[in-house]
Amino acid sequence: MDTDLFCQVVDNYGDIGVCWRLAQQLQQRGMAVRLFVDDLTAFHRIEPTIKKHAGSQTVQQITIQHWSQAEQAIPASFVIEAFGCELPLAYQNAMPTQTRLWINLEYLSAESWVESSHALPSPQSNGVVKYFFFPGFSAKTGGLLRPESSCNHAPLDEAFWNQVGLAQAPTTERVAFVFSYPQAPLETLYACLASQPHSWSVLLAASAPEPTAPPTNLSFYRLPFIAQQQFDALLDYADLNLVRGEDSFVRAIWAQRPFIWQPYLQEDDYHLIKLQAWLATTPLTASRQQLIMDWNQGRITPDQLNMELKNLAEWRQQCVHYAATLAQQTDLATQLFAFCSQLDQKTVK
């Protein structure tokens, strides 16, 4: 099945991060994927094999083209626009004679209304029906992107650490990986880590804020911008992950490590509604749910965080159980492939 996937890089690489994972998984399921991206420089940063200025290129059997090339492209049989990005008008006008299925892949949400909106059709002005596909956490949604193989919790070798700019792995007993928005109460986190009986190191992602008054008994490592595959390896490696947005959030779930999620800030604090809806679906204790809510409202206390750090092993077991439960659901790529296949069969008949 020939498939066009459209992605506009809006904020902090999360959009292209999701789309690149999806493109690879659809290709592995037998779809011929062409990925249109409006920012190849951003794409290159998460996948260094991507050439920033190439007109057209093939990476991992996926055709990569700049967004502008869609103006002259013959539309595919199946078209997926990620997160409501508006397709070029010339492309839309050419779709009726070529495209059998048009999907708008929506943002991830655990809100209850998603189940009733998932897979609903919407006829468009060009005559092609668009279906709204909602990723989610229940069997009545489109599911989650899931790694093809189990997460690897084995120690990372010296070559890996050299690739991410470090001479060797952190030598402390535990490691925190920080990939958060600037509003996160990181100074409280660092003070709590410094007070723990176990020694901690902090791996700072390239975009993570610098600590203003770093405790002297914490080891900090500033990482360069790293590829998606390396990022995933660090999520699997760390004992505590501080993540943000959608792409790193979902991948942190599969890492089966304790994590705190910071959703993208929205007007009228709507992100807190999304956060609360997700927390209600998890097996996390009430205290951990409150910890994550307070983290996102900047009112976390040292006592809260110290209590959960003291019980890190139990927190980790909850995350292992949560990932195992979600893994019983059909993943997003498989559901998209099945949805396209079913509609394709109906069209043929």
C-alpha atoms as a PDB file:
ATOM      1  CA  MET A   1       0.000   0.000   0.000  1.00  0.00           C
ATOM      2  CA  ASP A   2       1.512   3.320  -1.050  1.00  0.00           C
ATOM      3  CA  THR A   3       1.244   5.848   1.785  1.00  0.00           C
ATOM      4  CA  ASP A   4       2.075   9.537   2.140  1.00  0.00           C
ATOM      5  CA  LEU A   5       2.752  10.828   5.643  1.00  0.00           C
ATOM      6  CA  PHE A   6       2.880  14.594   6.204  1.00  0.00           C
ATOM      7  CA  CYS A   7       4.668  16.255   9.121  1.00  0.00           C
ATOM      8  CA  GLN A   8       5.212  19.886  10.074  1.00  0.00           C
ATOM      9  CA  VAL A   9       7.796  20.500  12.793  1.00  0.00           C
ATOM     10  CA  VAL A  10       5.985  22.776  15.204  1.00  0.00           C
ATOM     11  CA  ASP A  11       7.781  22.539  18.521  1.00  0.00           C
ATOM     12  CA  ASN A  12      10.883  20.864  19.925  1.00  0.00           C
ATOM     13  CA  TYR A  13      11.077  17.993  17.442  1.00  0.00           C
ATOM     14  CA  GLY A  14       8.236  16.003  19.001  1.00  0.00           C
ATOM     15  CA  ASP A  15       6.154  16.060  15.816  1.00  0.00           C
ATOM     16  CA  ILE A  16       8.889  14.661  13.616  1.00  0.00           C
ATOM     17  CA  GLY A  17       9.856  12.277  16.420  1.00  0.00           C
ATOM     18  CA  VAL A  18       6.387  10.693  16.378  1.00  0.00           C
ATOM     19  CA  CYS A  19       6.194  10.692  12.573  1.00  0.00           C
ATOM     20  CA  TRP A  20       9.600   9.082  12.120  1.00  0.00           C
ATOM     21  CA  ARG A  21       8.697   6.285  14.519  1.00  0.00           C
ATOM     22  CA  LEU A  22       5.381   5.801  12.730  1.00  0.00           C
ATOM     23  CA  ALA A  23       6.925   5.841   9.242  1.00  0.00           C
ATOM     24  CA  GLN A  24       9.405   3.124  10.212  1.00  0.00           C
ATOM     25  CA  GLN A  25       6.742   0.928  11.752  1.00  0.00           C
ATOM     26  CA  LEU A  26       4.363   1.272   8.805  1.00  0.00           C
ATOM     27  CA  GLN A  27       7.202   0.400   6.429  1.00  0.00           C
ATOM     28  CA  GLN A  28       7.989  -2.679   8.520  1.00  0.00           C
ATOM     29  CA  ARG A  29       4.370  -3.751   8.073  1.00  0.00           C
ATOM     30  CA  GLY A  30       4.677  -3.648   4.299  1.00  0.00           C
ATOM     31  CA  MET A  31       3.543  -0.127   3.444  1.00  0.00           C
ATOM     32  CA  ALA A  32       5.521   1.902   0.898  1.00  0.00           C
ATOM     33  CA  VAL A  33       5.955   5.140   2.860  1.00  0.00           C
ATOM     34  CA  ARG A  34       6.798   8.584   1.528  1.00  0.00           C
ATOM     35  CA  LEU A  35       7.363  11.127   4.303  1.00  0.00           C
ATOM     36  CA  PHE A  36       6.958  14.848   3.577  1.00  0.00           C
ATOM     37  CA  VAL A  37       8.639  17.105   6.180  1.00  0.00           C
ATOM     38  CA  ASP A  38       8.829  20.899   6.215  1.00  0.00           C
ATOM     39  CA  ASP A  39      12.077  21.045   8.230  1.00  0.00           C
ATOM     40  CA  LEU A  40      14.790  18.598   7.192  1.00  0.00           C
ATOM     41  CA  THR A  41      17.300  20.291   9.493  1.00  0.00           C
ATOM     42  CA  ALA A  42      15.199  19.360  12.518  1.00  0.00           C
ATOM     43  CA  PHE A  43      14.745  15.877  11.095  1.00  0.00           C
ATOM     44  CA  HIS A  44      18.511  15.526  10.715  1.00  0.00           C
ATOM     45  CA  ARG A  45      19.007  16.266  14.397  1.00  0.00           C
ATOM     46  CA  ILE A  46      16.992  13.234  15.503  1.00  0.00           C
ATOM     47  CA  GLU A  47      18.130  11.038  12.583  1.00  0.00           C
ATOM     48  CA  PRO A  48      21.662  12.016  11.445  1.00  0.00           C
ATOM     49  CA  THR A  49      21.451   9.892   8.278  1.00  0.00           C
ATOM     50  CA  ILE A  50      18.930  12.399   6.913  1.00  0.00           C
ATOM     51  CA  LYS A  51      20.533  14.926   4.554  1.00  0.00           C
ATOM     52  CA  LYS A  52      19.422  18.450   5.381  1.00  0.00           C
ATOM     53  CA  HIS A  53      19.395  19.774   1.814  1.00  0.00           C
ATOM     54  CA  ALA A  54      18.475  16.751  -0.318  1.00  0.00           C
ATOM     55  CA  GLY A  55      15.530  17.118  -2.676  1.00  0.00           C
ATOM     56  CA  SER A  56      14.589  13.487  -2.285  1.00  0.00           C
ATOM     57  CA  GLN A  57      16.303  10.689  -0.367  1.00  0.00           C
ATOM     58  CA  THR A  58      15.649   7.163   0.839  1.00  0.00           C
ATOM     59  CA  VAL A  59      16.457   6.170   4.401  1.00  0.00           C
ATOM     60  CA  GLN A  60      15.534   2.761   5.824  1.00  0.00           C
ATOM     61  CA  GLN A  61      13.478   2.127   2.676  1.00  0.00           C
ATOM     62  CA  ILE A  62      11.376   5.234   3.346  1.00  0.00           C
ATOM     63  CA  THR A  63      11.286   8.039   0.792  1.00  0.00           C
ATOM     64  CA  ILE A  64      11.945  11.419   2.428  1.00  0.00           C
ATOM     65  CA  GLN A  65      10.934  14.608   0.632  1.00  0.00           C
ATOM     66  CA  HIS A  66      10.692  18.248   1.588  1.00  0.00           C
ATOM     67  CA  TRP A  67       7.171  19.566   2.129  1.00  0.00           C
ATOM     68  CA  SER A  68       7.428  21.838  -0.921  1.00  0.00           C
ATOM     69  CA  GLN A  69       7.781  18.828  -3.215  1.00  0.00           C
ATOM     70  CA  ALA A  70       4.225  17.769  -2.406  1.00  0.00           C
ATOM     71  CA  GLU A  71       2.930  20.537  -4.674  1.00  0.00           C
ATOM     72  CA  GLN A  72       3.933  18.504  -7.749  1.00  0.00           C
ATOM     73  CA  ALA A  73       3.530  15.019  -6.233  1.00  0.00           C
ATOM     74  CA  ILE A  74       0.971  12.438  -7.311  1.00  0.00           C
ATOM     75  CA  PRO A  75      -0.948  11.653  -4.112  1.00  0.00           C
ATOM     76  CA  ALA A  76      -0.697   8.179  -2.593  1.00  0.00           C
ATOM     77  CA  SER A  77      -3.601   5.790  -2.115  1.00  0.00           C
ATOM     78  CA  PHE A  78      -3.381   6.391   1.624  1.00  0.00           C
ATOM     79  CA  VAL A  79      -2.620   9.807   3.089  1.00  0.00           C
ATOM     80  CA  ILE A  80      -1.865  10.535   6.739  1.00  0.00           C
ATOM     81  CA  GLU A  81      -1.600  14.117   7.931  1.00  0.00           C
ATOM     82  CA  ALA A  82      -0.049  14.325  11.377  1.00  0.00           C
ATOM     83  CA  PHE A  83      -1.622  16.543  14.009  1.00  0.00           C
ATOM     84  CA  GLY A  84      -3.914  18.452  11.671  1.00  0.00           C
ATOM     85  CA  CYS A  85      -1.205  19.915   9.449  1.00  0.00           C
ATOM     86  CA  GLU A  86      -2.932  21.417   6.391  1.00  0.00           C
ATOM     87  CA  LEU A  87      -1.896  19.670   3.204  1.00  0.00           C
ATOM     88  CA  PRO A  88      -0.751  21.800   0.234  1.00  0.00           C
ATOM     89  CA  LEU A  89      -3.748  22.911  -1.841  1.00  0.00           C
ATOM     90  CA  ALA A  90      -2.389  21.501  -5.111  1.00  0.00           C
ATOM     91  CA  TYR A  91      -1.938  18.126  -3.416  1.00  0.00           C
ATOM     92  CA  GLN A  92      -5.483  18.219  -2.021  1.00  0.00           C
ATOM     93  CA  ASN A  93      -6.883  19.034  -5.460  1.00  0.00           C
ATOM     94  CA  ALA A  94      -5.131  16.007  -6.958  1.00  0.00           C
ATOM     95  CA  MET A  95      -6.304  13.592  -4.270  1.00  0.00           C
ATOM     96  CA  PRO A  96      -9.795  12.632  -5.616  1.00  0.00           C
ATOM     97  CA  THR A  97      -8.432  10.581  -8.526  1.00  0.00           C
ATOM     98  CA  GLN A  98      -5.670   8.928  -6.485  1.00  0.00           C
ATOM     99  CA  THR A  99      -6.470   8.720  -2.769  1.00  0.00           C
ATOM    100  CA  ARG A 100      -8.776   6.115  -1.239  1.00  0.00           C
ATOM    101  CA  LEU A 101      -8.215   7.016   2.394  1.00  0.00           C
ATOM    102  CA  TRP A 102      -7.261  10.250   4.156  1.00  0.00           C
ATOM    103  CA  ILE A 103      -6.400  10.132   7.857  1.00  0.00           C
ATOM    104  CA  ASN A 104      -5.813  12.951  10.295  1.00  0.00           C
ATOM    105  CA  LEU A 105      -3.608  11.501  13.035  1.00  0.00           C
ATOM    106  CA  GLU A 106      -4.548  13.478  16.138  1.00  0.00           C
ATOM    107  CA  TYR A 107      -2.600  14.320  19.271  1.00  0.00           C
ATOM    108  CA  LEU A 108      -2.546  11.797  22.073  1.00  0.00           C
ATOM    109  CA  SER A 109      -5.116  12.162  24.842  1.00  0.00           C
ATOM    110  CA  ALA A 110      -6.691  10.055  27.578  1.00  0.00           C
ATOM    111  CA  GLU A 111      -9.820  12.205  27.792  1.00  0.00           C
ATOM    112  CA  SER A 112     -13.091  10.280  27.631  1.00  0.00           C
ATOM    113  CA  TRP A 113     -14.429  12.086  24.535  1.00  0.00           C
ATOM    114  CA  VAL A 114     -11.604  10.635  22.423  1.00  0.00           C
ATOM    115  CA  GLU A 115     -13.232   7.196  22.359  1.00  0.00           C
ATOM    116  CA  SER A 116     -16.426   8.508  20.767  1.00  0.00           C
ATOM    117  CA  SER A 117     -14.518  10.611  18.213  1.00  0.00           C
ATOM    118  CA  HIS A 118     -12.015   7.974  17.131  1.00  0.00           C
ATOM    119  CA  ALA A 119     -12.247   6.847  13.480  1.00  0.00           C
ATOM    120  CA  LEU A 120     -15.149   9.169  12.653  1.00  0.00           C
ATOM    121  CA  PRO A 121     -15.417  10.161   8.953  1.00  0.00           C
ATOM    122  CA  SER A 122     -15.555  13.747   7.725  1.00  0.00           C
ATOM    123  CA  PRO A 123     -16.240  14.450   4.021  1.00  0.00           C
ATOM    124  CA  GLN A 124     -13.912  17.141   2.661  1.00  0.00           C
ATOM    125  CA  SER A 125     -14.431  19.799  -0.001  1.00  0.00           C
ATOM    126  CA  ASN A 126     -12.285  17.880  -2.504  1.00  0.00           C
ATOM    127  CA  GLY A 127     -14.616  14.890  -2.246  1.00  0.00           C
ATOM    128  CA  VAL A 128     -12.285  12.649  -0.242  1.00  0.00           C
ATOM    129  CA  VAL A 129     -13.440  11.453   3.173  1.00  0.00           C
ATOM    130  CA  LYS A 130     -11.078  12.198   6.032  1.00  0.00           C
ATOM    131  CA  TYR A 131     -11.031   9.975   9.122  1.00  0.00           C
ATOM    132  CA  PHE A 132      -9.920  11.231  12.510  1.00  0.00           C
ATOM    133  CA  PHE A 133      -7.590   8.747  14.169  1.00  0.00           C
ATOM    134  CA  PHE A 134      -6.964   9.260  17.870  1.00  0.00           C
ATOM    135  CA  PRO A 135      -4.060   7.590  19.670  1.00  0.00           C
ATOM    136  CA  GLY A 136      -5.018   6.687  23.204  1.00  0.00           C
ATOM    137  CA  PHE A 137      -4.786   4.459  26.237  1.00  0.00           C
ATOM    138  CA  SER A 138      -7.891   2.307  25.849  1.00  0.00           C
ATOM    139  CA  ALA A 139      -9.039  -0.400  23.447  1.00  0.00           C
ATOM    140  CA  LYS A 140     -11.599   2.023  21.981  1.00  0.00           C
ATOM    141  CA  THR A 141      -8.874   4.331  20.626  1.00  0.00           C
ATOM    142  CA  GLY A 142      -6.051   3.998  18.102  1.00  0.00           C
ATOM    143  CA  GLY A 143      -3.552   2.841  20.731  1.00  0.00           C
ATOM    144  CA  LEU A 144       0.044   3.908  21.280  1.00  0.00           C
ATOM    145  CA  LEU A 145       3.199   3.753  19.227  1.00  0.00           C
ATOM    146  CA  ARG A 146       5.166   0.881  20.696  1.00  0.00           C
ATOM    147  CA  PRO A 147       8.781  -0.219  20.084  1.00  0.00           C
ATOM    148  CA  GLU A 148       9.114  -3.298  17.911  1.00  0.00           C
ATOM    149  CA  SER A 149      11.318  -4.992  20.516  1.00  0.00           C
ATOM    150  CA  SER A 150      11.473  -4.990  24.297  1.00  0.00           C
ATOM    151  CA  CYS A 151      13.415  -2.202  25.961  1.00  0.00           C
ATOM    152  CA  ASN A 152      17.031  -3.018  26.662  1.00  0.00           C
ATOM    153  CA  HIS A 153      18.100  -2.385  30.236  1.00  0.00           C
ATOM    154  CA  ALA A 154      21.607  -3.768  29.750  1.00  0.00           C
ATOM    155  CA  PRO A 155      24.545  -1.441  30.548  1.00  0.00           C
ATOM    156  CA  LEU A 156      25.548   0.872  27.715  1.00  0.00           C
ATOM    157  CA  ASP A 157      29.060   0.332  26.382  1.00  0.00           C
ATOM    158  CA  GLU A 158      31.931   2.801  26.200  1.00  0.00           C
ATOM    159  CA  ALA A 159      31.319   3.461  22.499  1.00  0.00           C
ATOM    160  CA  PHE A 160      27.795   4.679  23.286  1.00  0.00           C
ATOM    161  CA  TRP A 161      28.982   7.124  25.921  1.00  0.00           C
ATOM    162  CA  ASN A 162      31.662   8.437  23.570  1.00  0.00           C
ATOM    163  CA  GLN A 163      28.988   8.997  20.921  1.00  0.00           C
ATOM    164  CA  VAL A 164      26.953  11.162  23.297  1.00  0.00           C
ATOM    165  CA  GLY A 165      30.001  13.172  24.323  1.00  0.00           C
ATOM    166  CA  LEU A 166      31.032  11.467  27.566  1.00  0.00           C
ATOM    167  CA  ALA A 167      34.252   9.606  28.274  1.00  0.00           C
ATOM    168  CA  GLN A 168      32.472   6.939  30.292  1.00  0.00           C
ATOM    169  CA  ALA A 169      29.215   6.045  31.982  1.00  0.00           C
ATOM    170  CA  PRO A 170      28.278   7.879  35.193  1.00  0.00           C
ATOM    171  CA  THR A 171      29.854   6.135  38.161  1.00  0.00           C
ATOM    172  CA  THR A 172      27.100   6.929  40.682  1.00  0.00           C
ATOM    173  CA  GLU A 173      24.621   4.351  41.958  1.00  0.00           C
ATOM    174  CA  ARG A 174      21.657   5.997  40.227  1.00  0.00           C
ATOM    175  CA  VAL A 175      21.028   8.280  37.268  1.00  0.00           C
ATOM    176  CA  ALA A 176      18.305  10.804  36.408  1.00  0.00           C
ATOM    177  CA  PHE A 177      17.708  11.862  32.806  1.00  0.00           C
ATOM    178  CA  VAL A 178      16.274  15.392  32.493  1.00  0.00           C
ATOM    179  CA  PHE A 179      14.373  16.418  29.370  1.00  0.00           C
ATOM    180  CA  SER A 180      11.914  18.980  30.674  1.00  0.00           C
ATOM    181  CA  TYR A 181      10.441  22.370  29.916  1.00  0.00           C
ATOM    182  CA  PRO A 182      11.976  25.384  31.721  1.00  0.00           C
ATOM    183  CA  GLN A 183       8.986  25.657  34.095  1.00  0.00           C
ATOM    184  CA  ALA A 184       9.790  22.333  35.767  1.00  0.00           C
ATOM    185  CA  PRO A 185      10.801  22.641  39.473  1.00  0.00           C
ATOM    186  CA  LEU A 186      14.221  21.149  38.824  1.00  0.00           C
ATOM    187  CA  GLU A 187      16.004  22.862  41.707  1.00  0.00           C
ATOM    188  CA  THR A 188      13.720  21.032  44.140  1.00  0.00           C
ATOM    189  CA  LEU A 189      14.507  17.776  42.323  1.00  0.00           C
ATOM    190  CA  TYR A 190      18.257  18.350  42.558  1.00  0.00           C
ATOM    191  CA  ALA A 191      18.102  19.189  46.266  1.00  0.00           C
ATOM    192  CA  CYS A 192      16.154  15.989  46.910  1.00  0.00           C
ATOM    193  CA  LEU A 193      18.512  13.825  44.851  1.00  0.00           C
ATOM    194  CA  ALA A 194      21.444  15.280  46.763  1.00  0.00           C
ATOM    195  CA  SER A 195      19.838  14.311  50.081  1.00  0.00           C
ATOM    196  CA  GLN A 196      19.318  10.644  49.161  1.00  0.00           C
ATOM    197  CA  PRO A 197      21.446   7.857  50.664  1.00  0.00           C
ATOM    198  CA  HIS A 198      22.288   6.666  47.126  1.00  0.00           C
ATOM    199  CA  SER A 199      24.607   8.756  44.961  1.00  0.00           C
ATOM    200  CA  TRP A 200      22.995  10.289  41.876  1.00  0.00           C
ATOM    201  CA  SER A 201      24.128  11.677  38.529  1.00  0.00           C
ATOM    202  CA  VAL A 202      21.996  13.910  36.331  1.00  0.00           C
ATOM    203  CA  LEU A 203      22.109  13.660  32.544  1.00  0.00           C
ATOM    204  CA  LEU A 204      20.918  16.959  31.083  1.00  0.00           C
ATOM    205  CA  ALA A 205      19.431  16.847  27.584  1.00  0.00           C
ATOM    206  CA  ALA A 206      20.698  19.545  25.224  1.00  0.00           C
ATOM    207  CA  SER A 207      17.602  21.705  25.784  1.00  0.00           C
ATOM    208  CA  ALA A 208      17.316  21.184  29.542  1.00  0.00           C
ATOM    209  CA  PRO A 209      17.875  24.313  31.666  1.00  0.00           C
ATOM    210  CA  GLU A 210      21.150  24.743  33.483  1.00  0.00           C
ATOM    211  CA  PRO A 211      20.950  24.261  37.268  1.00  0.00           C
ATOM    212  CA  THR A 212      21.207  27.616  39.017  1.00  0.00           C
ATOM    213  CA  ALA A 213      22.794  26.322  42.227  1.00  0.00           C
ATOM    214  CA  PRO A 214      23.828  22.705  41.643  1.00  0.00           C
ATOM    215  CA  PRO A 215      24.452  20.699  44.846  1.00  0.00           C
ATOM    216  CA  THR A 216      28.108  19.797  45.152  1.00  0.00           C
ATOM    217  CA  ASN A 217      27.397  16.114  45.778  1.00  0.00           C
ATOM    218  CA  LEU A 218      25.523  15.665  42.503  1.00  0.00           C
ATOM    219  CA  SER A 219      27.292  14.916  39.236  1.00  0.00           C
ATOM    220  CA  PHE A 220      25.889  16.770  36.205  1.00  0.00           C
ATOM    221  CA  TYR A 221      26.534  15.800  32.587  1.00  0.00           C
ATOM    222  CA  ARG A 222      25.458  18.084  29.761  1.00  0.00           C
ATOM    223  CA  LEU A 223      24.628  16.064  26.645  1.00  0.00           C
ATOM    224  CA  PRO A 224      24.724  17.340  23.076  1.00  0.00           C
ATOM    225  CA  PHE A 225      21.655  16.968  20.866  1.00  0.00           C
ATOM    226  CA  ILE A 226      21.448  13.226  20.356  1.00  0.00           C
ATOM    227  CA  ALA A 227      19.738  10.964  17.830  1.00  0.00           C
ATOM    228  CA  GLN A 228      16.370   9.408  18.612  1.00  0.00           C
ATOM    229  CA  GLN A 229      17.871   5.953  19.021  1.00  0.00           C
ATOM    230  CA  GLN A 230      20.384   7.251  21.576  1.00  0.00           C
ATOM    231  CA  PHE A 231      17.635   9.164  23.369  1.00  0.00           C
ATOM    232  CA  ASP A 232      15.623   5.966  23.704  1.00  0.00           C
ATOM    233  CA  ALA A 233      18.645   4.117  25.067  1.00  0.00           C
ATOM    234  CA  LEU A 234      19.050   6.725  27.812  1.00  0.00           C
ATOM    235  CA  LEU A 235      15.376   6.434  28.789  1.00  0.00           C
ATOM    236  CA  ASP A 236      15.920   2.690  29.190  1.00  0.00           C
ATOM    237  CA  TYR A 237      19.144   3.269  31.143  1.00  0.00           C
ATOM    238  CA  ALA A 238      18.149   5.941  33.661  1.00  0.00           C
ATOM    239  CA  ASP A 239      16.607   5.213  37.054  1.00  0.00           C
ATOM    240  CA  LEU A 240      14.360   8.289  36.836  1.00  0.00           C
ATOM    241  CA  ASN A 241      13.189  10.104  33.697  1.00  0.00           C
ATOM    242  CA  LEU A 242      11.858  13.647  33.518  1.00  0.00           C
ATOM    243  CA  VAL A 243      10.135  13.934  30.151  1.00  0.00           C
ATOM    244  CA  ARG A 244       7.940  16.353  28.249  1.00  0.00           C
ATOM    245  CA  GLY A 245       5.606  16.553  25.256  1.00  0.00           C
ATOM    246  CA  GLU A 246       4.191  13.479  23.533  1.00  0.00           C
ATOM    247  CA  ASP A 247       7.008  11.553  21.876  1.00  0.00           C
ATOM    248  CA  SER A 248       9.283  11.202  24.920  1.00  0.00           C
ATOM    249  CA  PHE A 249       6.246  10.622  27.162  1.00  0.00           C
ATOM    250  CA  VAL A 250       5.098   7.526  25.276  1.00  0.00           C
ATOM    251  CA  ARG A 251       8.641   6.200  24.938  1.00  0.00           C
ATOM    252  CA  ALA A 252       9.192   6.718  28.687  1.00  0.00           C
ATOM    253  CA  ILE A 253       6.205   4.463  29.387  1.00  0.00           C
ATOM    254  CA  TRP A 254       7.833   1.632  27.439  1.00  0.00           C
ATOM    255  CA  ALA A 255      11.152   2.192  29.237  1.00  0.00           C
ATOM    256  CA  GLN A 256       9.441   0.820  32.374  1.00  0.00           C
ATOM    257  CA  ARG A 257      11.306   3.262  34.581  1.00  0.00           C
ATOM    258  CA  PRO A 258       9.878   5.782  37.066  1.00  0.00           C
ATOM    259  CA  PHE A 259       9.126   9.002  35.216  1.00  0.00           C
ATOM    260  CA  ILE A 260       7.424  12.361  35.595  1.00  0.00           C
ATOM    261  CA  TRP A 261       5.635  13.734  32.549  1.00  0.00           C
ATOM    262  CA  GLN A 262       5.357  17.425  31.754  1.00  0.00           C
ATOM    263  CA  PRO A 263       2.788  17.975  28.961  1.00  0.00           C
ATOM    264  CA  TYR A 264       3.093  20.873  26.548  1.00  0.00           C
ATOM    265  CA  LEU A 265       1.711  24.019  28.166  1.00  0.00           C
ATOM    266  CA  GLN A 266      -1.652  25.152  26.768  1.00  0.00           C
ATOM    267  CA  GLU A 267      -3.914  28.157  27.311  1.00  0.00           C
ATOM    268  CA  ASP A 268      -6.257  28.140  30.313  1.00  0.00           C
ATOM    269  CA  ASP A 269      -4.197  25.281  31.786  1.00  0.00           C
ATOM    270  CA  TYR A 270      -5.874  22.784  29.461  1.00  0.00           C
ATOM    271  CA  HIS A 271      -2.737  20.652  29.657  1.00  0.00           C
ATOM    272  CA  LEU A 272      -3.593  19.951  33.295  1.00  0.00           C
ATOM    273  CA  ILE A 273      -6.950  18.505  32.217  1.00  0.00           C
ATOM    274  CA  LYS A 274      -5.134  16.194  29.797  1.00  0.00           C
ATOM    275  CA  LEU A 275      -2.645  15.297  32.514  1.00  0.00           C
ATOM    276  CA  GLN A 276      -5.359  14.456  35.035  1.00  0.00           C
ATOM    277  CA  ALA A 277      -7.211  12.335  32.469  1.00  0.00           C
ATOM    278  CA  TRP A 278      -4.061  10.314  31.834  1.00  0.00           C
ATOM    279  CA  LEU A 279      -3.203   9.893  35.516  1.00  0.00           C
ATOM    280  CA  ALA A 280      -6.660   8.460  36.164  1.00  0.00           C
ATOM    281  CA  THR A 281      -5.870   5.591  33.751  1.00  0.00           C
ATOM    282  CA  THR A 282      -2.611   4.604  35.459  1.00  0.00           C
ATOM    283  CA  PRO A 283      -1.941   2.202  38.338  1.00  0.00           C
ATOM    284  CA  LEU A 284       0.181   4.842  40.072  1.00  0.00           C
ATOM    285  CA  THR A 285      -0.533   5.443  43.732  1.00  0.00           C
ATOM    286  CA  ALA A 286      -2.487   8.548  44.694  1.00  0.00           C
ATOM    287  CA  SER A 287       0.667  10.125  46.105  1.00  0.00           C
ATOM    288  CA  ARG A 288       2.555   9.613  42.828  1.00  0.00           C
ATOM    289  CA  GLN A 289      -0.320  10.997  40.814  1.00  0.00           C
ATOM    290  CA  GLN A 290      -0.350  14.055  43.061  1.00  0.00           C
ATOM    291  CA  LEU A 291       3.421  14.367  42.721  1.00  0.00           C
ATOM    292  CA  ILE A 292       3.126  14.579  38.919  1.00  0.00           C
ATOM    293  CA  MET A 293       0.230  17.064  39.119  1.00  0.00           C
ATOM    294  CA  ASP A 294       2.146  19.270  41.551  1.00  0.00           C
ATOM    295  CA  TRP A 295       5.299  19.003  39.424  1.00  0.00           C
ATOM    296  CA  ASN A 296       3.337  20.549  36.563  1.00  0.00           C
ATOM    297  CA  GLN A 297       1.966  23.335  38.746  1.00  0.00           C
ATOM    298  CA  GLY A 298       5.292  24.226  40.341  1.00  0.00           C
ATOM    299  CA  ARG A 299       4.145  23.489  43.873  1.00  0.00           C
ATOM    300  CA  ILE A 300       5.963  20.260  44.586  1.00  0.00           C
ATOM    301  CA  THR A 301       7.478  19.889  48.063  1.00  0.00           C
ATOM    302  CA  PRO A 302      10.728  18.172  49.067  1.00  0.00           C
ATOM    303  CA  ASP A 303       8.788  15.843  51.381  1.00  0.00           C
ATOM    304  CA  GLN A 304       6.663  14.605  48.462  1.00  0.00           C
ATOM    305  CA  LEU A 305       9.595  13.910  46.220  1.00  0.00           C
ATOM    306  CA  ASN A 306      11.812  12.412  48.925  1.00  0.00           C
ATOM    307  CA  MET A 307       9.086   9.939  49.839  1.00  0.00           C
ATOM    308  CA  GLU A 308       8.786   8.688  46.240  1.00  0.00           C
ATOM    309  CA  LEU A 309      12.556   8.561  45.752  1.00  0.00           C
ATOM    310  CA  LYS A 310      12.784   6.475  48.925  1.00  0.00           C
ATOM    311  CA  ASN A 311      10.336   4.019  47.347  1.00  0.00           C
ATOM    312  CA  LEU A 312      11.875   4.096  43.875  1.00  0.00           C
ATOM    313  CA  ALA A 313      11.918   0.288  43.529  1.00  0.00           C
ATOM    314  CA  GLU A 314       8.182   0.070  44.180  1.00  0.00           C
ATOM    315  CA  TRP A 315       7.566   2.953  41.759  1.00  0.00           C
ATOM    316  CA  ARG A 316       9.536   1.076  39.150  1.00  0.00           C
ATOM    317  CA  GLN A 317       7.447  -2.061  39.636  1.00  0.00           C
ATOM    318  CA  GLN A 318       4.301  -0.011  39.047  1.00  0.00           C
ATOM    319  CA  CYS A 319       5.797   1.256  35.785  1.00  0.00           C
ATOM    320  CA  VAL A 320       6.680  -2.291  34.700  1.00  0.00           C
ATOM    321  CA  HIS A 321       3.101  -3.396  35.418  1.00  0.00           C
ATOM    322  CA  TYR A 322       1.663  -0.375  33.597  1.00  0.00           C
ATOM    323  CA  ALA A 323       3.729  -1.012  30.462  1.00  0.00           C
ATOM    324  CA  ALA A 324       2.776  -4.709  30.485  1.00  0.00           C
ATOM    325  CA  THR A 325      -0.908  -3.798  30.724  1.00  0.00           C
ATOM    326  CA  LEU A 326      -0.736  -1.330  27.847  1.00  0.00           C
ATOM    327  CA  ALA A 327       1.220  -3.842  25.752  1.00  0.00           C
ATOM    328  CA  GLN A 328      -1.845  -6.086  25.723  1.00  0.00           C
ATOM    329  CA  GLN A 329      -3.611  -3.504  23.529  1.00  0.00           C
ATOM    330  CA  THR A 330      -3.075  -3.299  19.787  1.00  0.00           C
ATOM    331  CA  ASP A 331      -0.453  -0.665  18.992  1.00  0.00           C
ATOM    332  CA  LEU A 332      -1.016   2.427  16.836  1.00  0.00           C
ATOM    333  CA  ALA A 333       0.923   1.324  13.742  1.00  0.00           C
ATOM    334  CA  THR A 334      -0.851  -2.044  13.641  1.00  0.00           C
ATOM    335  CA  GLN A 335      -4.240  -0.367  14.011  1.00  0.00           C
ATOM    336  CA  LEU A 336      -3.491   2.137  11.250  1.00  0.00           C
ATOM    337  CA  PHE A 337      -2.331  -0.640   8.945  1.00  0.00           C
ATOM    338  CA  ALA A 338      -5.474  -2.677   9.660  1.00  0.00           C
ATOM    339  CA  PHE A 339      -7.717   0.375   9.173  1.00  0.00           C
ATOM    340  CA  CYS A 340      -6.173   1.107   5.778  1.00  0.00           C
ATOM    341  CA  SER A 341      -6.360  -2.558   4.756  1.00  0.00           C
ATOM    342  CA  GLN A 342     -10.046  -2.871   5.672  1.00  0.00           C
ATOM    343  CA  LEU A 343     -11.070   0.239   3.757  1.00  0.00           C
ATOM    344  CA  ASP A 344      -8.890  -0.828   0.839  1.00  0.00           C
ATOM    345  CA  GLN A 345     -10.718  -4.162   0.648  1.00  0.00           C
ATOM    346  CA  LYS A 346     -14.086  -2.412   0.719  1.00  0.00           C
ATOM    347  CA  THR A 347     -12.970  -0.153  -2.137  1.00  0.00           C
ATOM    348  CA  VAL A 348     -11.866  -3.124  -4.227  1.00  0.00           C
ATOM    349  CA  LYS A 349     -15.193  -4.925  -3.692  1.00  0.00           C
END
